[in-house]
Amino acid sequence: IEGIHDTTSYFVKELIESEIVDAQNDPSLRIVRYKRDSESDEWSLVDIWFAKRTAQNAEKVEENVRYIKLAFPISTSAIWNLNALNAKDEWLCRYDSIYATREIGDLSFPKTVKVMQRENKNLIDDELAFEIYAEEVGLIRRYEKDLTTQLSFVNEPIAANIRLGHEFNWEIIDYGIE
């Protein structure tokens, strides 16, 4: 609804630049991230993230904050704290679906897992966060919604009840070796 919220679209490219050994003496990946506003724009370096896989989990350092993105072994009974390795509040994650086939645009992924990170909906809060990973590819979709609403008994569109928050939708459009 015009005037109620803003929308921003842009492209992000993540490149695994190199393998390094981290402070825990584990092999890690150095991920260089680029951004551009349109397909015709030049890529601009935004930041550098890191990722590693251990026997217990897959970790990613985003904006200098370490998260546990996946827990091993992958199982519908697995539950873990996304923020166990940082100072943020506990976010319990679970696998919503495992080894499902998914399509995003023209891309098909035969083996994916969906990680539910947040589900909370009531008269005031509307929170939903999940990530989907594909085997041999990595993150293929990320969605996060965190809205605060105000219940209205006036016949208004639902979006008019939103007071603050954000909604973020990230989907893969291509992958491979550059």
N, C-alpha and C. Protein backbone atom coordinates (compact mmCIF):
# COMPACT_ATOMS: atom_id res chain seq x y z
N ILE A 1 0.86 -1.17 0.00
CA ILE A 1 0.00 0.00 0.00
C ILE A 1 0.90 1.22 0.00
N GLU A 2 0.73 2.07 -0.99
CA GLU A 2 1.60 3.23 -1.17
C GLU A 2 1.55 4.14 0.05
N GLY A 3 2.73 4.59 0.46
CA GLY A 3 2.84 5.50 1.58
C GLY A 3 2.93 4.82 2.94
N ILE A 4 2.67 3.52 2.98
CA ILE A 4 2.70 2.81 4.26
C ILE A 4 4.05 2.14 4.49
N HIS A 5 4.67 1.64 3.44
CA HIS A 5 5.96 0.99 3.61
C HIS A 5 6.86 1.26 2.41
N ASP A 6 8.14 1.06 2.62
CA ASP A 6 9.14 1.23 1.57
C ASP A 6 9.59 -0.14 1.09
N THR A 7 10.02 -0.20 -0.16
CA THR A 7 10.56 -1.42 -0.72
C THR A 7 11.90 -1.12 -1.35
N THR A 8 12.88 -1.97 -1.08
CA THR A 8 14.20 -1.84 -1.66
C THR A 8 14.57 -3.17 -2.30
N SER A 9 15.12 -3.12 -3.50
CA SER A 9 15.59 -4.33 -4.18
C SER A 9 17.04 -4.11 -4.59
N TYR A 10 17.83 -5.18 -4.48
CA TYR A 10 19.22 -5.12 -4.90
C TYR A 10 19.74 -6.54 -5.11
N PHE A 11 20.93 -6.66 -5.66
CA PHE A 11 21.56 -7.94 -5.93
C PHE A 11 22.76 -8.10 -5.02
N VAL A 12 22.98 -9.33 -4.54
CA VAL A 12 24.15 -9.65 -3.72
C VAL A 12 24.87 -10.82 -4.37
N LYS A 13 26.18 -10.73 -4.42
CA LYS A 13 27.00 -11.83 -4.93
C LYS A 13 27.98 -12.22 -3.84
N GLU A 14 28.00 -13.52 -3.52
CA GLU A 14 28.95 -14.02 -2.55
C GLU A 14 29.94 -14.93 -3.27
N LEU A 15 31.22 -14.64 -3.07
CA LEU A 15 32.28 -15.45 -3.66
C LEU A 15 33.14 -16.05 -2.58
N ILE A 16 33.36 -17.35 -2.66
CA ILE A 16 34.31 -17.97 -1.75
C ILE A 16 35.69 -17.62 -2.28
N GLU A 17 36.32 -16.68 -1.61
CA GLU A 17 37.60 -16.16 -2.09
C GLU A 17 38.75 -17.09 -1.78
N SER A 18 38.75 -17.67 -0.57
CA SER A 18 39.87 -18.52 -0.18
C SER A 18 39.51 -19.38 1.00
N GLU A 19 40.34 -20.39 1.23
CA GLU A 19 40.25 -21.19 2.44
C GLU A 19 41.30 -20.66 3.40
N ILE A 20 40.92 -20.54 4.66
CA ILE A 20 41.85 -20.06 5.68
C ILE A 20 41.78 -20.99 6.89
N VAL A 21 42.65 -20.76 7.85
CA VAL A 21 42.57 -21.44 9.14
C VAL A 21 42.15 -20.38 10.14
N ASP A 22 41.03 -20.64 10.86
CA ASP A 22 40.50 -19.63 11.77
C ASP A 22 41.21 -19.67 13.13
N ALA A 23 40.74 -18.84 14.06
CA ALA A 23 41.36 -18.72 15.38
C ALA A 23 41.27 -20.01 16.20
N GLN A 24 40.29 -20.88 15.87
CA GLN A 24 40.16 -22.17 16.56
C GLN A 24 40.97 -23.26 15.86
N ASN A 25 41.79 -22.84 14.90
CA ASN A 25 42.64 -23.73 14.11
C ASN A 25 41.82 -24.68 13.22
N ASP A 26 40.63 -24.23 12.82
CA ASP A 26 39.77 -25.01 11.93
C ASP A 26 39.82 -24.43 10.51
N PRO A 27 39.69 -25.27 9.49
CA PRO A 27 39.58 -24.73 8.13
C PRO A 27 38.28 -23.95 7.97
N SER A 28 38.36 -22.79 7.36
CA SER A 28 37.20 -21.92 7.16
C SER A 28 37.24 -21.33 5.76
N LEU A 29 36.09 -20.81 5.34
CA LEU A 29 35.99 -20.16 4.04
C LEU A 29 35.87 -18.66 4.23
N ARG A 30 36.62 -17.91 3.46
CA ARG A 30 36.52 -16.44 3.44
C ARG A 30 35.59 -16.08 2.29
N ILE A 31 34.47 -15.45 2.63
CA ILE A 31 33.44 -15.13 1.65
C ILE A 31 33.42 -13.63 1.41
N VAL A 32 33.68 -13.24 0.18
CA VAL A 32 33.67 -11.82 -0.18
C VAL A 32 32.29 -11.52 -0.76
N ARG A 33 31.66 -10.46 -0.23
CA ARG A 33 30.28 -10.12 -0.61
C ARG A 33 30.24 -8.80 -1.38
N TYR A 34 29.50 -8.82 -2.48
CA TYR A 34 29.34 -7.66 -3.34
C TYR A 34 27.86 -7.31 -3.44
N LYS A 35 27.58 -6.07 -3.78
CA LYS A 35 26.20 -5.61 -3.92
C LYS A 35 26.10 -4.68 -5.12
N ARG A 36 24.92 -4.69 -5.76
CA ARG A 36 24.60 -3.72 -6.80
C ARG A 36 23.09 -3.53 -6.84
N ASP A 37 22.66 -2.37 -7.32
CA ASP A 37 21.23 -2.05 -7.32
C ASP A 37 20.50 -2.61 -8.53
N SER A 38 21.20 -2.77 -9.65
CA SER A 38 20.56 -3.32 -10.86
C SER A 38 21.56 -4.18 -11.60
N GLU A 39 21.06 -4.96 -12.52
CA GLU A 39 21.94 -5.86 -13.28
C GLU A 39 22.96 -5.11 -14.13
N SER A 40 22.68 -3.86 -14.48
CA SER A 40 23.61 -3.09 -15.30
C SER A 40 24.68 -2.37 -14.47
N ASP A 41 24.52 -2.32 -13.16
CA ASP A 41 25.51 -1.67 -12.29
C ASP A 41 26.73 -2.54 -12.09
N GLU A 42 27.84 -1.91 -11.73
CA GLU A 42 29.06 -2.64 -11.37
C GLU A 42 28.90 -3.18 -9.95
N TRP A 43 29.55 -4.31 -9.67
CA TRP A 43 29.54 -4.86 -8.33
C TRP A 43 30.41 -4.00 -7.42
N SER A 44 29.94 -3.79 -6.21
CA SER A 44 30.66 -3.00 -5.21
C SER A 44 30.89 -3.86 -3.97
N LEU A 45 32.12 -3.93 -3.50
CA LEU A 45 32.45 -4.72 -2.31
C LEU A 45 31.72 -4.15 -1.09
N VAL A 46 31.01 -5.03 -0.35
CA VAL A 46 30.31 -4.56 0.84
C VAL A 46 30.95 -5.06 2.13
N ASP A 47 31.27 -6.34 2.19
CA ASP A 47 31.89 -6.86 3.38
C ASP A 47 32.46 -8.25 3.15
N ILE A 48 33.06 -8.79 4.21
CA ILE A 48 33.65 -10.12 4.15
C ILE A 48 33.08 -10.93 5.30
N TRP A 49 32.56 -12.11 4.97
CA TRP A 49 32.02 -13.01 5.96
C TRP A 49 32.87 -14.28 5.97
N PHE A 50 32.62 -15.13 6.94
CA PHE A 50 33.36 -16.38 7.05
C PHE A 50 32.38 -17.52 7.34
N ALA A 51 32.74 -18.72 6.92
CA ALA A 51 31.91 -19.90 7.18
C ALA A 51 32.80 -21.09 7.42
N LYS A 52 32.30 -21.99 8.26
CA LYS A 52 33.02 -23.24 8.46
C LYS A 52 32.04 -24.33 8.85
N ARG A 53 32.47 -25.55 8.62
CA ARG A 53 31.68 -26.72 8.97
C ARG A 53 32.49 -27.54 9.96
N THR A 54 31.84 -27.90 11.07
CA THR A 54 32.45 -28.80 12.04
C THR A 54 31.66 -30.09 12.05
N ALA A 55 32.03 -31.03 12.88
CA ALA A 55 31.29 -32.29 12.98
C ALA A 55 29.89 -32.06 13.54
N GLN A 56 29.73 -30.97 14.34
CA GLN A 56 28.45 -30.71 14.99
C GLN A 56 27.55 -29.73 14.25
N ASN A 57 28.14 -28.80 13.49
CA ASN A 57 27.31 -27.75 12.89
C ASN A 57 28.01 -27.04 11.73
N ALA A 58 27.22 -26.18 11.08
CA ALA A 58 27.75 -25.25 10.07
C ALA A 58 27.59 -23.85 10.65
N GLU A 59 28.69 -23.12 10.71
CA GLU A 59 28.70 -21.78 11.30
C GLU A 59 28.95 -20.74 10.21
N LYS A 60 28.36 -19.56 10.40
CA LYS A 60 28.62 -18.46 9.49
C LYS A 60 28.79 -17.19 10.31
N VAL A 61 29.81 -16.42 9.99
CA VAL A 61 30.05 -15.14 10.64
C VAL A 61 29.55 -14.06 9.69
N GLU A 62 28.47 -13.38 10.09
CA GLU A 62 27.85 -12.32 9.30
C GLU A 62 27.96 -11.02 10.09
N GLU A 63 28.55 -9.99 9.51
CA GLU A 63 28.70 -8.70 10.19
C GLU A 63 29.36 -8.88 11.56
N ASN A 64 30.39 -9.73 11.62
CA ASN A 64 31.16 -10.02 12.83
C ASN A 64 30.35 -10.72 13.93
N VAL A 65 29.25 -11.36 13.57
CA VAL A 65 28.44 -12.12 14.52
C VAL A 65 28.39 -13.56 14.03
N ARG A 66 28.77 -14.51 14.91
CA ARG A 66 28.80 -15.92 14.54
C ARG A 66 27.45 -16.59 14.84
N TYR A 67 26.91 -17.30 13.84
CA TYR A 67 25.64 -18.00 13.97
C TYR A 67 25.83 -19.49 13.69
N ILE A 68 25.03 -20.32 14.31
CA ILE A 68 24.98 -21.75 13.98
C ILE A 68 23.82 -21.92 13.02
N LYS A 69 24.13 -22.08 11.73
CA LYS A 69 23.11 -22.14 10.69
C LYS A 69 22.48 -23.52 10.54
N LEU A 70 23.29 -24.57 10.69
CA LEU A 70 22.81 -25.95 10.54
C LEU A 70 23.39 -26.78 11.67
N ALA A 71 22.63 -27.77 12.12
CA ALA A 71 23.10 -28.71 13.13
C ALA A 71 23.22 -30.08 12.49
N PHE A 72 24.25 -30.83 12.89
CA PHE A 72 24.46 -32.17 12.35
C PHE A 72 24.35 -33.19 13.47
N PRO A 73 23.81 -34.38 13.19
CA PRO A 73 23.28 -34.81 11.90
C PRO A 73 21.94 -34.12 11.62
N ILE A 74 21.62 -33.99 10.34
CA ILE A 74 20.36 -33.39 9.93
C ILE A 74 19.25 -34.38 10.26
N SER A 75 18.28 -33.89 11.05
CA SER A 75 17.19 -34.75 11.51
C SER A 75 16.02 -33.87 11.89
N THR A 76 14.81 -34.38 11.72
CA THR A 76 13.62 -33.60 12.10
C THR A 76 13.52 -33.42 13.62
N SER A 77 14.30 -34.16 14.39
CA SER A 77 14.29 -34.01 15.85
C SER A 77 15.37 -33.03 16.34
N ALA A 78 16.22 -32.54 15.46
CA ALA A 78 17.29 -31.62 15.86
C ALA A 78 16.72 -30.25 16.24
N ILE A 79 17.19 -29.73 17.37
CA ILE A 79 16.86 -28.38 17.82
C ILE A 79 18.15 -27.75 18.33
N TRP A 80 18.43 -26.51 17.89
CA TRP A 80 19.65 -25.83 18.31
C TRP A 80 19.41 -24.33 18.41
N ASN A 81 20.32 -23.67 19.12
CA ASN A 81 20.25 -22.23 19.31
C ASN A 81 21.10 -21.55 18.24
N LEU A 82 20.44 -20.83 17.33
CA LEU A 82 21.13 -20.08 16.29
C LEU A 82 22.20 -19.16 16.88
N ASN A 83 21.93 -18.59 18.06
CA ASN A 83 22.80 -17.59 18.68
C ASN A 83 23.68 -18.14 19.80
N ALA A 84 23.90 -19.46 19.85
CA ALA A 84 24.69 -20.05 20.93
C ALA A 84 26.13 -19.52 20.96
N LEU A 85 26.64 -19.04 19.84
CA LEU A 85 28.03 -18.58 19.77
C LEU A 85 28.15 -17.05 19.74
N ASN A 86 27.07 -16.35 20.09
CA ASN A 86 27.12 -14.88 20.15
C ASN A 86 26.33 -14.41 21.38
N ALA A 87 26.25 -13.12 21.58
CA ALA A 87 25.61 -12.56 22.78
C ALA A 87 24.13 -12.22 22.57
N LYS A 88 23.57 -12.57 21.43
CA LYS A 88 22.16 -12.27 21.15
C LYS A 88 21.24 -13.23 21.90
N ASP A 89 19.96 -12.86 21.96
CA ASP A 89 18.96 -13.71 22.61
C ASP A 89 18.85 -15.07 21.92
N GLU A 90 18.45 -16.06 22.67
CA GLU A 90 18.29 -17.41 22.14
C GLU A 90 17.24 -17.45 21.03
N TRP A 91 17.58 -18.11 19.94
CA TRP A 91 16.65 -18.39 18.85
C TRP A 91 16.75 -19.90 18.59
N LEU A 92 15.74 -20.62 18.97
CA LEU A 92 15.77 -22.06 18.75
C LEU A 92 15.36 -22.38 17.32
N CYS A 93 16.17 -23.17 16.66
CA CYS A 93 15.93 -23.56 15.26
C CYS A 93 15.60 -25.03 15.20
N ARG A 94 14.91 -25.39 14.12
CA ARG A 94 14.59 -26.80 13.86
C ARG A 94 14.48 -26.99 12.35
N TYR A 95 14.64 -28.23 11.93
CA TYR A 95 14.43 -28.55 10.52
C TYR A 95 12.94 -28.74 10.28
N ASP A 96 12.41 -27.97 9.33
CA ASP A 96 10.99 -28.07 8.98
C ASP A 96 10.78 -29.16 7.93
N SER A 97 11.69 -29.25 7.01
CA SER A 97 11.63 -30.31 6.00
C SER A 97 13.07 -30.66 5.63
N ILE A 98 13.27 -31.92 5.35
CA ILE A 98 14.61 -32.36 4.98
C ILE A 98 14.56 -33.17 3.68
N TYR A 99 15.54 -32.89 2.85
CA TYR A 99 15.75 -33.60 1.58
C TYR A 99 14.59 -33.46 0.61
N ALA A 100 13.94 -32.30 0.62
CA ALA A 100 12.85 -32.02 -0.30
C ALA A 100 13.40 -31.43 -1.60
N THR A 101 12.72 -31.68 -2.70
CA THR A 101 13.05 -31.06 -3.98
C THR A 101 12.37 -29.70 -4.02
N ARG A 102 13.11 -28.68 -4.44
CA ARG A 102 12.55 -27.33 -4.52
C ARG A 102 12.99 -26.66 -5.81
N GLU A 103 12.13 -25.76 -6.26
CA GLU A 103 12.45 -24.93 -7.43
C GLU A 103 12.35 -23.47 -7.03
N ILE A 104 13.32 -22.71 -7.48
CA ILE A 104 13.30 -21.26 -7.30
C ILE A 104 13.59 -20.67 -8.68
N GLY A 105 12.62 -19.98 -9.23
CA GLY A 105 12.76 -19.48 -10.59
C GLY A 105 12.96 -20.64 -11.54
N ASP A 106 14.01 -20.55 -12.37
CA ASP A 106 14.33 -21.61 -13.32
C ASP A 106 15.26 -22.67 -12.74
N LEU A 107 15.66 -22.51 -11.49
CA LEU A 107 16.63 -23.42 -10.87
C LEU A 107 15.91 -24.52 -10.09
N SER A 108 16.42 -25.74 -10.20
CA SER A 108 15.85 -26.87 -9.49
C SER A 108 16.91 -27.46 -8.56
N PHE A 109 16.49 -27.79 -7.34
CA PHE A 109 17.40 -28.32 -6.34
C PHE A 109 16.81 -29.62 -5.79
N PRO A 110 17.45 -30.76 -6.10
CA PRO A 110 16.86 -32.06 -5.75
C PRO A 110 16.91 -32.40 -4.26
N LYS A 111 17.80 -31.79 -3.49
CA LYS A 111 17.94 -32.16 -2.08
C LYS A 111 18.15 -30.91 -1.24
N THR A 112 17.10 -30.48 -0.53
CA THR A 112 17.17 -29.26 0.28
C THR A 112 16.73 -29.54 1.72
N VAL A 113 17.13 -28.63 2.61
CA VAL A 113 16.63 -28.64 3.98
C VAL A 113 16.14 -27.24 4.31
N LYS A 114 15.03 -27.18 5.04
CA LYS A 114 14.46 -25.90 5.46
C LYS A 114 14.65 -25.77 6.97
N VAL A 115 15.29 -24.68 7.37
CA VAL A 115 15.54 -24.41 8.78
C VAL A 115 14.57 -23.33 9.25
N MET A 116 13.70 -23.69 10.17
CA MET A 116 12.80 -22.71 10.77
C MET A 116 13.55 -22.03 11.91
N GLN A 117 13.65 -20.70 11.83
CA GLN A 117 14.37 -19.94 12.84
C GLN A 117 13.44 -19.19 13.78
N ARG A 118 12.29 -18.81 13.29
CA ARG A 118 11.38 -18.00 14.10
C ARG A 118 9.96 -18.20 13.60
N GLU A 119 9.04 -18.45 14.53
CA GLU A 119 7.60 -18.54 14.22
C GLU A 119 6.85 -17.99 15.42
N ASN A 120 6.29 -16.81 15.29
CA ASN A 120 5.54 -16.21 16.38
C ASN A 120 4.52 -15.25 15.78
N LYS A 121 3.26 -15.58 15.95
CA LYS A 121 2.21 -14.71 15.41
C LYS A 121 1.11 -14.58 16.45
N ASN A 122 0.81 -13.33 16.78
CA ASN A 122 -0.28 -13.04 17.70
C ASN A 122 -0.90 -11.71 17.28
N LEU A 123 -1.68 -11.08 18.15
CA LEU A 123 -2.35 -9.84 17.77
C LEU A 123 -1.39 -8.67 17.58
N ILE A 124 -0.18 -8.76 18.14
CA ILE A 124 0.78 -7.66 18.04
C ILE A 124 1.99 -8.01 17.19
N ASP A 125 2.53 -9.20 17.37
CA ASP A 125 3.76 -9.60 16.67
C ASP A 125 3.46 -10.53 15.50
N ASP A 126 4.21 -10.35 14.45
CA ASP A 126 4.14 -11.24 13.29
C ASP A 126 5.58 -11.52 12.89
N GLU A 127 6.11 -12.66 13.38
CA GLU A 127 7.50 -13.02 13.13
C GLU A 127 7.58 -14.36 12.42
N LEU A 128 8.36 -14.39 11.36
CA LEU A 128 8.62 -15.63 10.64
C LEU A 128 10.00 -15.51 10.02
N ALA A 129 10.84 -16.50 10.28
CA ALA A 129 12.18 -16.50 9.69
C ALA A 129 12.57 -17.94 9.36
N PHE A 130 13.08 -18.12 8.14
CA PHE A 130 13.58 -19.44 7.75
C PHE A 130 14.65 -19.29 6.68
N GLU A 131 15.45 -20.34 6.55
CA GLU A 131 16.46 -20.43 5.49
C GLU A 131 16.35 -21.80 4.85
N ILE A 132 16.61 -21.85 3.55
CA ILE A 132 16.59 -23.11 2.82
C ILE A 132 17.97 -23.31 2.19
N TYR A 133 18.52 -24.48 2.41
CA TYR A 133 19.84 -24.83 1.89
C TYR A 133 19.71 -26.00 0.93
N ALA A 134 20.50 -25.95 -0.15
CA ALA A 134 20.52 -27.05 -1.12
C ALA A 134 21.88 -27.73 -1.07
N GLU A 135 21.85 -29.05 -1.19
CA GLU A 135 23.09 -29.83 -1.19
C GLU A 135 23.99 -29.39 -2.34
N GLU A 136 25.26 -29.25 -2.06
CA GLU A 136 26.28 -28.86 -3.03
C GLU A 136 26.14 -27.42 -3.54
N VAL A 137 25.22 -26.64 -2.96
CA VAL A 137 25.03 -25.25 -3.38
C VAL A 137 25.16 -24.31 -2.18
N GLY A 138 24.42 -24.59 -1.11
CA GLY A 138 24.39 -23.72 0.06
C GLY A 138 23.05 -23.03 0.17
N LEU A 139 23.06 -21.82 0.74
CA LEU A 139 21.84 -21.07 0.96
C LEU A 139 21.18 -20.70 -0.36
N ILE A 140 19.89 -21.06 -0.51
CA ILE A 140 19.17 -20.73 -1.74
C ILE A 140 17.99 -19.81 -1.49
N ARG A 141 17.54 -19.73 -0.23
CA ARG A 141 16.45 -18.80 0.10
C ARG A 141 16.53 -18.43 1.57
N ARG A 142 16.27 -17.17 1.83
CA ARG A 142 16.24 -16.66 3.20
C ARG A 142 15.07 -15.70 3.30
N TYR A 143 14.25 -15.91 4.31
CA TYR A 143 13.09 -15.06 4.51
C TYR A 143 13.03 -14.65 5.97
N GLU A 144 12.78 -13.38 6.21
CA GLU A 144 12.63 -12.90 7.57
C GLU A 144 11.57 -11.81 7.62
N LYS A 145 10.61 -12.00 8.51
CA LYS A 145 9.57 -11.00 8.73
C LYS A 145 9.50 -10.76 10.23
N ASP A 146 9.58 -9.50 10.63
CA ASP A 146 9.48 -9.12 12.03
C ASP A 146 8.67 -7.82 12.08
N LEU A 147 7.37 -7.95 12.27
CA LEU A 147 6.47 -6.81 12.23
C LEU A 147 5.75 -6.64 13.57
N THR A 148 5.55 -5.40 13.94
CA THR A 148 4.72 -5.07 15.10
C THR A 148 3.48 -4.39 14.55
N THR A 149 2.32 -4.89 14.95
CA THR A 149 1.07 -4.37 14.42
C THR A 149 0.23 -3.77 15.56
N GLN A 150 -0.79 -3.08 15.18
CA GLN A 150 -1.75 -2.55 16.14
C GLN A 150 -3.13 -2.97 15.67
N LEU A 151 -3.79 -3.72 16.51
CA LEU A 151 -5.10 -4.23 16.17
C LEU A 151 -6.06 -3.07 15.90
N SER A 152 -6.74 -3.16 14.77
CA SER A 152 -7.69 -2.11 14.40
C SER A 152 -9.03 -2.76 14.09
N PHE A 153 -10.08 -2.18 14.62
CA PHE A 153 -11.40 -2.71 14.33
C PHE A 153 -12.07 -1.97 13.18
N VAL A 154 -11.32 -1.03 12.59
CA VAL A 154 -11.79 -0.30 11.42
C VAL A 154 -11.50 -1.19 10.22
N ASN A 155 -12.32 -1.14 9.20
CA ASN A 155 -12.15 -1.96 8.02
C ASN A 155 -11.00 -1.40 7.17
N GLU A 156 -9.75 -1.69 7.61
CA GLU A 156 -8.55 -1.22 6.91
C GLU A 156 -7.82 -2.43 6.34
N PRO A 157 -7.02 -2.22 5.31
CA PRO A 157 -6.18 -3.32 4.84
C PRO A 157 -5.21 -3.73 5.95
N ILE A 158 -4.85 -4.99 5.99
CA ILE A 158 -3.96 -5.49 7.04
C ILE A 158 -2.67 -4.68 7.11
N ALA A 159 -2.09 -4.31 5.97
CA ALA A 159 -0.84 -3.56 5.96
C ALA A 159 -0.96 -2.22 6.67
N ALA A 160 -2.15 -1.66 6.74
CA ALA A 160 -2.34 -0.38 7.42
C ALA A 160 -2.18 -0.52 8.93
N ASN A 161 -2.26 -1.73 9.45
CA ASN A 161 -2.10 -1.97 10.88
C ASN A 161 -0.65 -2.14 11.31
N ILE A 162 0.26 -2.24 10.36
CA ILE A 162 1.68 -2.40 10.69
C ILE A 162 2.21 -1.08 11.23
N ARG A 163 2.87 -1.16 12.38
CA ARG A 163 3.43 0.03 13.01
C ARG A 163 4.92 0.15 12.78
N LEU A 164 5.64 -0.96 12.81
CA LEU A 164 7.07 -0.93 12.52
C LEU A 164 7.54 -2.34 12.24
N GLY A 165 8.74 -2.44 11.68
CA GLY A 165 9.33 -3.73 11.40
C GLY A 165 9.93 -3.81 10.02
N HIS A 166 10.25 -5.03 9.62
CA HIS A 166 10.85 -5.25 8.30
C HIS A 166 10.45 -6.62 7.78
N GLU A 167 10.54 -6.74 6.47
CA GLU A 167 10.33 -8.01 5.78
C GLU A 167 11.44 -8.12 4.75
N PHE A 168 12.11 -9.26 4.75
CA PHE A 168 13.29 -9.47 3.93
C PHE A 168 13.12 -10.78 3.18
N ASN A 169 13.27 -10.75 1.86
CA ASN A 169 13.17 -11.96 1.06
C ASN A 169 14.38 -12.03 0.14
N TRP A 170 15.16 -13.08 0.28
CA TRP A 170 16.38 -13.29 -0.50
C TRP A 170 16.23 -14.62 -1.22
N GLU A 171 16.40 -14.61 -2.55
CA GLU A 171 16.33 -15.84 -3.33
C GLU A 171 17.49 -15.92 -4.31
N ILE A 172 17.99 -17.10 -4.47
CA ILE A 172 19.09 -17.34 -5.41
C ILE A 172 18.60 -17.13 -6.84
N ILE A 173 19.43 -16.52 -7.68
CA ILE A 173 19.08 -16.37 -9.10
C ILE A 173 20.09 -17.10 -9.99
N ASP A 174 21.26 -17.43 -9.42
CA ASP A 174 22.29 -18.14 -10.17
C ASP A 174 23.37 -18.61 -9.20
N TYR A 175 24.14 -19.59 -9.63
CA TYR A 175 25.29 -20.04 -8.84
C TYR A 175 26.26 -20.76 -9.76
N GLY A 176 27.46 -20.96 -9.28
CA GLY A 176 28.47 -21.66 -10.07
C GLY A 176 29.85 -21.13 -9.77
N ILE A 177 30.75 -21.45 -10.65
CA ILE A 177 32.14 -21.03 -10.51
C ILE A 177 32.37 -19.82 -11.40
N GLU A 178 32.97 -18.80 -10.85
CA GLU A 178 33.21 -17.58 -11.63
C GLU A 178 34.64 -17.55 -12.12
